[in-house]
Amino acid sequence: MAEIHPYVGMWVTADGRIRHNLLPDGRYDEACGKRESAYQGSYTVIGNHIDYVDDTGFTADGEFVDGVLYHAGMVLRRERMAS
């Protein structure tokens, strides 16, 4: 069985408005405000760099630094699951 990448999971801005769900199959689902699945597409991670390609062909990228995702001027942190 393939190992799950350590960056897989939900990443959110401090206000919770932007949510990136990085799925284990290399797909992502981004929610904006109350709009669930506002953007969907694929992503690739090489080292600490992430490249996004949404289903319309739009591209973007970001960097993971010390457990924080910096993307398009936003700061996203991994959502902690309730225990």
PDB file of N, CA and C in Angstrom:
ATOM      1  N   MET A   1       0.849  -1.175   0.000  1.00  0.00           N
ATOM      2  CA  MET A   1       0.000   0.000   0.000  1.00  0.00           C
ATOM      3  C   MET A   1       0.900   1.246   0.000  1.00  0.00           C
ATOM      4  N   ALA A   2       0.534   2.242  -0.803  1.00  0.00           N
ATOM      5  CA  ALA A   2       1.319   3.473  -0.915  1.00  0.00           C
ATOM      6  C   ALA A   2       1.215   4.301   0.366  1.00  0.00           C
ATOM      7  N   GLU A   3       2.316   4.958   0.706  1.00  0.00           N
ATOM      8  CA  GLU A   3       2.346   5.811   1.891  1.00  0.00           C
ATOM      9  C   GLU A   3       1.630   7.125   1.586  1.00  0.00           C
ATOM     10  N   ILE A   4       0.853   7.619   2.551  1.00  0.00           N
ATOM     11  CA  ILE A   4       0.145   8.893   2.408  1.00  0.00           C
ATOM     12  C   ILE A   4       1.154  10.027   2.605  1.00  0.00           C
ATOM     13  N   HIS A   5       1.131  10.989   1.695  1.00  0.00           N
ATOM     14  CA  HIS A   5       2.043  12.136   1.786  1.00  0.00           C
ATOM     15  C   HIS A   5       1.719  12.931   3.049  1.00  0.00           C
ATOM     16  N   PRO A   6       2.730  13.461   3.746  1.00  0.00           N
ATOM     17  CA  PRO A   6       2.479  14.174   5.008  1.00  0.00           C
ATOM     18  C   PRO A   6       1.672  15.465   4.854  1.00  0.00           C
ATOM     19  N   TYR A   7       1.549  16.005   3.646  1.00  0.00           N
ATOM     20  CA  TYR A   7       0.784  17.240   3.462  1.00  0.00           C
ATOM     21  C   TYR A   7      -0.685  16.983   3.124  1.00  0.00           C
ATOM     22  N   VAL A   8      -1.071  15.726   2.962  1.00  0.00           N
ATOM     23  CA  VAL A   8      -2.473  15.401   2.684  1.00  0.00           C
ATOM     24  C   VAL A   8      -3.321  15.824   3.878  1.00  0.00           C
ATOM     25  N   GLY A   9      -4.483  16.406   3.596  1.00  0.00           N
ATOM     26  CA  GLY A   9      -5.409  16.817   4.649  1.00  0.00           C
ATOM     27  C   GLY A   9      -5.949  18.202   4.382  1.00  0.00           C
ATOM     28  N   MET A  10      -6.651  18.741   5.356  1.00  0.00           N
ATOM     29  CA  MET A  10      -7.313  20.038   5.237  1.00  0.00           C
ATOM     30  C   MET A  10      -6.401  21.152   5.729  1.00  0.00           C
ATOM     31  N   TRP A  11      -6.257  22.197   4.900  1.00  0.00           N
ATOM     32  CA  TRP A  11      -5.474  23.388   5.217  1.00  0.00           C
ATOM     33  C   TRP A  11      -6.414  24.575   5.170  1.00  0.00           C
ATOM     34  N   VAL A  12      -6.388  25.420   6.200  1.00  0.00           N
ATOM     35  CA  VAL A  12      -7.357  26.515   6.304  1.00  0.00           C
ATOM     36  C   VAL A  12      -6.678  27.833   6.683  1.00  0.00           C
ATOM     37  N   THR A  13      -7.280  28.942   6.232  1.00  0.00           N
ATOM     38  CA  THR A  13      -6.828  30.258   6.672  1.00  0.00           C
ATOM     39  C   THR A  13      -7.312  30.478   8.108  1.00  0.00           C
ATOM     40  N   ALA A  14      -6.708  31.429   8.799  1.00  0.00           N
ATOM     41  CA  ALA A  14      -7.048  31.687  10.205  1.00  0.00           C
ATOM     42  C   ALA A  14      -8.533  31.994  10.394  1.00  0.00           C
ATOM     43  N   ASP A  15      -9.143  32.673   9.411  1.00  0.00           N
ATOM     44  CA  ASP A  15     -10.563  33.011   9.523  1.00  0.00           C
ATOM     45  C   ASP A  15     -11.473  31.891   9.023  1.00  0.00           C
ATOM     46  N   GLY A  16     -10.880  30.795   8.526  1.00  0.00           N
ATOM     47  CA  GLY A  16     -11.660  29.658   8.050  1.00  0.00           C
ATOM     48  C   GLY A  16     -12.316  29.870   6.702  1.00  0.00           C
ATOM     49  N   ARG A  17     -12.091  31.015   6.089  1.00  0.00           N
ATOM     50  CA  ARG A  17     -12.757  31.335   4.820  1.00  0.00           C
ATOM     51  C   ARG A  17     -12.279  30.476   3.655  1.00  0.00           C
ATOM     52  N   ILE A  18     -10.972  30.221   3.572  1.00  0.00           N
ATOM     53  CA  ILE A  18     -10.414  29.411   2.492  1.00  0.00           C
ATOM     54  C   ILE A  18      -9.971  28.077   3.077  1.00  0.00           C
ATOM     55  N   ARG A  19     -10.421  27.002   2.426  1.00  0.00           N
ATOM     56  CA  ARG A  19     -10.100  25.655   2.890  1.00  0.00           C
ATOM     57  C   ARG A  19      -9.632  24.809   1.705  1.00  0.00           C
ATOM     58  N   HIS A  20      -8.404  24.325   1.782  1.00  0.00           N
ATOM     59  CA  HIS A  20      -7.846  23.437   0.763  1.00  0.00           C
ATOM     60  C   HIS A  20      -7.814  22.030   1.328  1.00  0.00           C
ATOM     61  N   ASN A  21      -8.549  21.131   0.717  1.00  0.00           N
ATOM     62  CA  ASN A  21      -8.487  19.732   1.117  1.00  0.00           C
ATOM     63  C   ASN A  21      -7.600  19.014   0.109  1.00  0.00           C
ATOM     64  N   LEU A  22      -6.381  18.672   0.530  1.00  0.00           N
ATOM     65  CA  LEU A  22      -5.451  17.933  -0.315  1.00  0.00           C
ATOM     66  C   LEU A  22      -5.728  16.446  -0.124  1.00  0.00           C
ATOM     67  N   LEU A  23      -6.236  15.825  -1.155  1.00  0.00           N
ATOM     68  CA  LEU A  23      -6.661  14.431  -1.088  1.00  0.00           C
ATOM     69  C   LEU A  23      -5.495  13.493  -1.410  1.00  0.00           C
ATOM     70  N   PRO A  24      -5.539  12.261  -0.899  1.00  0.00           N
ATOM     71  CA  PRO A  24      -4.416  11.334  -1.102  1.00  0.00           C
ATOM     72  C   PRO A  24      -4.194  10.927  -2.561  1.00  0.00           C
ATOM     73  N   ASP A  25      -5.188  11.113  -3.415  1.00  0.00           N
ATOM     74  CA  ASP A  25      -5.065  10.690  -4.814  1.00  0.00           C
ATOM     75  C   ASP A  25      -4.485  11.778  -5.726  1.00  0.00           C
ATOM     76  N   GLY A  26      -3.960  12.882  -5.122  1.00  0.00           N
ATOM     77  CA  GLY A  26      -3.377  13.947  -5.922  1.00  0.00           C
ATOM     78  C   GLY A  26      -4.386  14.969  -6.418  1.00  0.00           C
ATOM     79  N   ARG A  27      -5.587  14.916  -5.901  1.00  0.00           N
ATOM     80  CA  ARG A  27      -6.630  15.892  -6.232  1.00  0.00           C
ATOM     81  C   ARG A  27      -6.805  16.822  -5.039  1.00  0.00           C
ATOM     82  N   TYR A  28      -7.375  18.002  -5.312  1.00  0.00           N
ATOM     83  CA  TYR A  28      -7.701  18.923  -4.223  1.00  0.00           C
ATOM     84  C   TYR A  28      -9.106  19.468  -4.440  1.00  0.00           C
ATOM     85  N   ASP A  29      -9.688  19.919  -3.351  1.00  0.00           N
ATOM     86  CA  ASP A  29     -11.007  20.527  -3.359  1.00  0.00           C
ATOM     87  C   ASP A  29     -10.907  21.771  -2.484  1.00  0.00           C
ATOM     88  N   GLU A  30     -11.137  22.952  -3.089  1.00  0.00           N
ATOM     89  CA  GLU A  30     -11.009  24.210  -2.352  1.00  0.00           C
ATOM     90  C   GLU A  30     -12.380  24.817  -2.126  1.00  0.00           C
ATOM     91  N   ALA A  31     -12.647  25.177  -0.877  1.00  0.00           N
ATOM     92  CA  ALA A  31     -13.876  25.874  -0.516  1.00  0.00           C
ATOM     93  C   ALA A  31     -13.532  27.324  -0.207  1.00  0.00           C
ATOM     94  N   CYS A  32     -14.414  28.229  -0.619  1.00  0.00           N
ATOM     95  CA  CYS A  32     -14.242  29.661  -0.369  1.00  0.00           C
ATOM     96  C   CYS A  32     -15.498  30.179   0.307  1.00  0.00           C
ATOM     97  N   GLY A  33     -15.366  30.595   1.563  1.00  0.00           N
ATOM     98  CA  GLY A  33     -16.531  31.065   2.303  1.00  0.00           C
ATOM     99  C   GLY A  33     -17.561  29.955   2.408  1.00  0.00           C
ATOM    100  N   LYS A  34     -18.791  30.261   2.031  1.00  0.00           N
ATOM    101  CA  LYS A  34     -19.870  29.268   2.090  1.00  0.00           C
ATOM    102  C   LYS A  34     -19.936  28.407   0.835  1.00  0.00           C
ATOM    103  N   ARG A  35     -19.092  28.718  -0.139  1.00  0.00           N
ATOM    104  CA  ARG A  35     -19.102  27.988  -1.412  1.00  0.00           C
ATOM    105  C   ARG A  35     -18.190  26.760  -1.335  1.00  0.00           C
ATOM    106  N   GLU A  36     -18.782  25.618  -1.098  1.00  0.00           N
ATOM    107  CA  GLU A  36     -18.031  24.362  -1.065  1.00  0.00           C
ATOM    108  C   GLU A  36     -17.614  24.002  -2.491  1.00  0.00           C
ATOM    109  N   SER A  37     -16.486  23.345  -2.637  1.00  0.00           N
ATOM    110  CA  SER A  37     -15.982  22.891  -3.940  1.00  0.00           C
ATOM    111  C   SER A  37     -15.954  24.023  -4.966  1.00  0.00           C
ATOM    112  N   ALA A  38     -15.496  25.192  -4.537  1.00  0.00           N
ATOM    113  CA  ALA A  38     -15.394  26.344  -5.435  1.00  0.00           C
ATOM    114  C   ALA A  38     -14.391  26.068  -6.549  1.00  0.00           C
ATOM    115  N   TYR A  39     -13.313  25.380  -6.205  1.00  0.00           N
ATOM    116  CA  TYR A  39     -12.283  25.012  -7.177  1.00  0.00           C
ATOM    117  C   TYR A  39     -11.860  23.580  -6.907  1.00  0.00           C
ATOM    118  N   GLN A  40     -11.647  22.839  -7.963  1.00  0.00           N
ATOM    119  CA  GLN A  40     -11.164  21.467  -7.849  1.00  0.00           C
ATOM    120  C   GLN A  40     -10.122  21.238  -8.925  1.00  0.00           C
ATOM    121  N   GLY A  41      -9.211  20.333  -8.653  1.00  0.00           N
ATOM    122  CA  GLY A  41      -8.201  20.016  -9.641  1.00  0.00           C
ATOM    123  C   GLY A  41      -7.179  19.054  -9.071  1.00  0.00           C
ATOM    124  N   SER A  42      -5.987  19.083  -9.668  1.00  0.00           N
ATOM    125  CA  SER A  42      -4.925  18.190  -9.228  1.00  0.00           C
ATOM    126  C   SER A  42      -3.786  19.019  -8.630  1.00  0.00           C
ATOM    127  N   TYR A  43      -2.961  18.345  -7.859  1.00  0.00           N
ATOM    128  CA  TYR A  43      -1.786  19.002  -7.293  1.00  0.00           C
ATOM    129  C   TYR A  43      -0.619  18.027  -7.307  1.00  0.00           C
ATOM    130  N   THR A  44       0.575  18.610  -7.315  1.00  0.00           N
ATOM    131  CA  THR A  44       1.816  17.847  -7.244  1.00  0.00           C
ATOM    132  C   THR A  44       2.707  18.515  -6.209  1.00  0.00           C
ATOM    133  N   VAL A  45       3.298  17.714  -5.343  1.00  0.00           N
ATOM    134  CA  VAL A  45       4.227  18.233  -4.344  1.00  0.00           C
ATOM    135  C   VAL A  45       5.610  17.678  -4.638  1.00  0.00           C
ATOM    136  N   ILE A  46       6.580  18.581  -4.747  1.00  0.00           N
ATOM    137  CA  ILE A  46       7.986  18.196  -4.873  1.00  0.00           C
ATOM    138  C   ILE A  46       8.725  18.927  -3.763  1.00  0.00           C
ATOM    139  N   GLY A  47       9.247  18.158  -2.832  1.00  0.00           N
ATOM    140  CA  GLY A  47       9.882  18.758  -1.659  1.00  0.00           C
ATOM    141  C   GLY A  47       8.841  19.521  -0.868  1.00  0.00           C
ATOM    142  N   ASN A  48       9.036  20.833  -0.716  1.00  0.00           N
ATOM    143  CA  ASN A  48       8.089  21.681   0.009  1.00  0.00           C
ATOM    144  C   ASN A  48       7.282  22.568  -0.921  1.00  0.00           C
ATOM    145  N   HIS A  49       7.372  22.329  -2.229  1.00  0.00           N
ATOM    146  CA  HIS A  49       6.677  23.147  -3.225  1.00  0.00           C
ATOM    147  C   HIS A  49       5.442  22.402  -3.731  1.00  0.00           C
ATOM    148  N   ILE A  50       4.316  23.117  -3.826  1.00  0.00           N
ATOM    149  CA  ILE A  50       3.091  22.526  -4.358  1.00  0.00           C
ATOM    150  C   ILE A  50       2.673  23.295  -5.616  1.00  0.00           C
ATOM    151  N   ASP A  51       2.314  22.555  -6.654  1.00  0.00           N
ATOM    152  CA  ASP A  51       1.760  23.118  -7.879  1.00  0.00           C
ATOM    153  C   ASP A  51       0.319  22.645  -8.004  1.00  0.00           C
ATOM    154  N   TYR A  52      -0.585  23.589  -8.254  1.00  0.00           N
ATOM    155  CA  TYR A  52      -2.002  23.295  -8.446  1.00  0.00           C
ATOM    156  C   TYR A  52      -2.363  23.501  -9.916  1.00  0.00           C
ATOM    157  N   VAL A  53      -3.222  22.649 -10.450  1.00  0.00           N
ATOM    158  CA  VAL A  53      -3.835  22.854 -11.759  1.00  0.00           C
ATOM    159  C   VAL A  53      -5.319  22.566 -11.574  1.00  0.00           C
ATOM    160  N   ASP A  54      -6.154  23.629 -11.656  1.00  0.00           N
ATOM    161  CA  ASP A  54      -7.583  23.370 -11.459  1.00  0.00           C
ATOM    162  C   ASP A  54      -8.174  22.795 -12.743  1.00  0.00           C
ATOM    163  N   ASP A  55      -9.389  22.309 -12.643  1.00  0.00           N
ATOM    164  CA  ASP A  55     -10.015  21.603 -13.754  1.00  0.00           C
ATOM    165  C   ASP A  55     -10.295  22.483 -14.966  1.00  0.00           C
ATOM    166  N   THR A  56     -10.147  23.807 -14.808  1.00  0.00           N
ATOM    167  CA  THR A  56     -10.309  24.710 -15.960  1.00  0.00           C
ATOM    168  C   THR A  56      -8.966  25.007 -16.623  1.00  0.00           C
ATOM    169  N   GLY A  57      -7.859  24.538 -16.003  1.00  0.00           N
ATOM    170  CA  GLY A  57      -6.529  24.769 -16.543  1.00  0.00           C
ATOM    171  C   GLY A  57      -5.758  25.872 -15.841  1.00  0.00           C
ATOM    172  N   PHE A  58      -6.396  26.590 -14.915  1.00  0.00           N
ATOM    173  CA  PHE A  58      -5.717  27.640 -14.146  1.00  0.00           C
ATOM    174  C   PHE A  58      -4.642  27.002 -13.272  1.00  0.00           C
ATOM    175  N   THR A  59      -3.472  27.635 -13.189  1.00  0.00           N
ATOM    176  CA  THR A  59      -2.397  27.096 -12.365  1.00  0.00           C
ATOM    177  C   THR A  59      -2.028  28.058 -11.241  1.00  0.00           C
ATOM    178  N   ALA A  60      -1.534  27.506 -10.165  1.00  0.00           N
ATOM    179  CA  ALA A  60      -1.063  28.274  -9.014  1.00  0.00           C
ATOM    180  C   ALA A  60      -0.043  27.413  -8.291  1.00  0.00           C
ATOM    181  N   ASP A  61       0.652  28.022  -7.343  1.00  0.00           N
ATOM    182  CA  ASP A  61       1.618  27.243  -6.577  1.00  0.00           C
ATOM    183  C   ASP A  61       1.698  27.766  -5.154  1.00  0.00           C
ATOM    184  N   GLY A  62       2.511  27.105  -4.353  1.00  0.00           N
ATOM    185  CA  GLY A  62       2.690  27.497  -2.970  1.00  0.00           C
ATOM    186  C   GLY A  62       3.891  26.796  -2.376  1.00  0.00           C
ATOM    187  N   GLU A  63       4.178  27.149  -1.137  1.00  0.00           N
ATOM    188  CA  GLU A  63       5.311  26.570  -0.403  1.00  0.00           C
ATOM    189  C   GLU A  63       4.869  26.197   1.005  1.00  0.00           C
ATOM    190  N   PHE A  64       5.331  25.042   1.454  1.00  0.00           N
ATOM    191  CA  PHE A  64       5.152  24.623   2.834  1.00  0.00           C
ATOM    192  C   PHE A  64       6.418  25.000   3.597  1.00  0.00           C
ATOM    193  N   VAL A  65       6.265  25.802   4.661  1.00  0.00           N
ATOM    194  CA  VAL A  65       7.398  26.218   5.478  1.00  0.00           C
ATOM    195  C   VAL A  65       7.010  26.048   6.941  1.00  0.00           C
ATOM    196  N   ASP A  66       7.733  25.204   7.645  1.00  0.00           N
ATOM    197  CA  ASP A  66       7.495  24.983   9.080  1.00  0.00           C
ATOM    198  C   ASP A  66       6.025  24.703   9.394  1.00  0.00           C
ATOM    199  N   GLY A  67       5.404  23.827   8.615  1.00  0.00           N
ATOM    200  CA  GLY A  67       4.025  23.425   8.881  1.00  0.00           C
ATOM    201  C   GLY A  67       2.973  24.423   8.451  1.00  0.00           C
ATOM    202  N   VAL A  68       3.365  25.414   7.648  1.00  0.00           N
ATOM    203  CA  VAL A  68       2.430  26.431   7.155  1.00  0.00           C
ATOM    204  C   VAL A  68       2.478  26.403   5.636  1.00  0.00           C
ATOM    205  N   LEU A  69       1.306  26.515   4.988  1.00  0.00           N
ATOM    206  CA  LEU A  69       1.217  26.583   3.535  1.00  0.00           C
ATOM    207  C   LEU A  69       1.027  28.043   3.126  1.00  0.00           C
ATOM    208  N   TYR A  70       1.964  28.554   2.358  1.00  0.00           N
ATOM    209  CA  TYR A  70       1.880  29.903   1.807  1.00  0.00           C
ATOM    210  C   TYR A  70       1.461  29.771   0.359  1.00  0.00           C
ATOM    211  N   HIS A  71       0.284  30.330   0.029  1.00  0.00           N
ATOM    212  CA  HIS A  71      -0.289  30.170  -1.310  1.00  0.00           C
ATOM    213  C   HIS A  71      -1.041  31.440  -1.696  1.00  0.00           C
ATOM    214  N   ALA A  72      -0.628  32.065  -2.807  1.00  0.00           N
ATOM    215  CA  ALA A  72      -1.338  33.224  -3.378  1.00  0.00           C
ATOM    216  C   ALA A  72      -1.597  34.321  -2.349  1.00  0.00           C
ATOM    217  N   GLY A  73      -0.608  34.612  -1.525  1.00  0.00           N
ATOM    218  CA  GLY A  73      -0.750  35.655  -0.517  1.00  0.00           C
ATOM    219  C   GLY A  73      -1.503  35.225   0.729  1.00  0.00           C
ATOM    220  N   MET A  74      -1.909  33.972   0.768  1.00  0.00           N
ATOM    221  CA  MET A  74      -2.646  33.451   1.933  1.00  0.00           C
ATOM    222  C   MET A  74      -1.729  32.586   2.781  1.00  0.00           C
ATOM    223  N   VAL A  75      -2.089  32.481   4.040  1.00  0.00           N
ATOM    224  CA  VAL A  75      -1.394  31.620   4.991  1.00  0.00           C
ATOM    225  C   VAL A  75      -2.411  30.597   5.463  1.00  0.00           C
ATOM    226  N   LEU A  76      -2.111  29.319   5.216  1.00  0.00           N
ATOM    227  CA  LEU A  76      -3.017  28.251   5.605  1.00  0.00           C
ATOM    228  C   LEU A  76      -2.295  27.307   6.558  1.00  0.00           C
ATOM    229  N   ARG A  77      -3.030  26.868   7.568  1.00  0.00           N
ATOM    230  CA  ARG A  77      -2.482  25.923   8.529  1.00  0.00           C
ATOM    231  C   ARG A  77      -3.344  24.658   8.507  1.00  0.00           C
ATOM    232  N   ARG A  78      -2.698  23.560   8.854  1.00  0.00           N
ATOM    233  CA  ARG A  78      -3.418  22.279   8.860  1.00  0.00           C
ATOM    234  C   ARG A  78      -4.531  22.326   9.902  1.00  0.00           C
ATOM    235  N   GLU A  79      -5.702  21.897   9.495  1.00  0.00           N
ATOM    236  CA  GLU A  79      -6.837  21.820  10.418  1.00  0.00           C
ATOM    237  C   GLU A  79      -6.619  20.652  11.360  1.00  0.00           C
ATOM    238  N   ARG A  80      -6.775  20.914  12.608  1.00  0.00           N
ATOM    239  CA  ARG A  80      -6.622  19.866  13.620  1.00  0.00           C
ATOM    240  C   ARG A  80      -7.944  19.155  13.818  1.00  0.00           C
ATOM    241  N   MET A  81      -7.875  17.843  13.851  1.00  0.00           N
ATOM    242  CA  MET A  81      -9.078  17.052  14.048  1.00  0.00           C
ATOM    243  C   MET A  81      -9.420  17.049  15.543  1.00  0.00           C
ATOM    244  N   ALA A  82     -10.706  17.118  15.853  1.00  0.00           N
ATOM    245  CA  ALA A  82     -11.152  17.061  17.246  1.00  0.00           C
ATOM    246  C   ALA A  82     -10.911  15.652  17.770  1.00  0.00           C
ATOM    247  N   SER A  83     -10.440  15.534  19.022  1.00  0.00           N
ATOM    248  CA  SER A  83     -10.213  14.202  19.579  1.00  0.00           C
ATOM    249  C   SER A  83     -11.362  13.745  20.411  1.00  0.00           C
TER     250      SER A  83
END
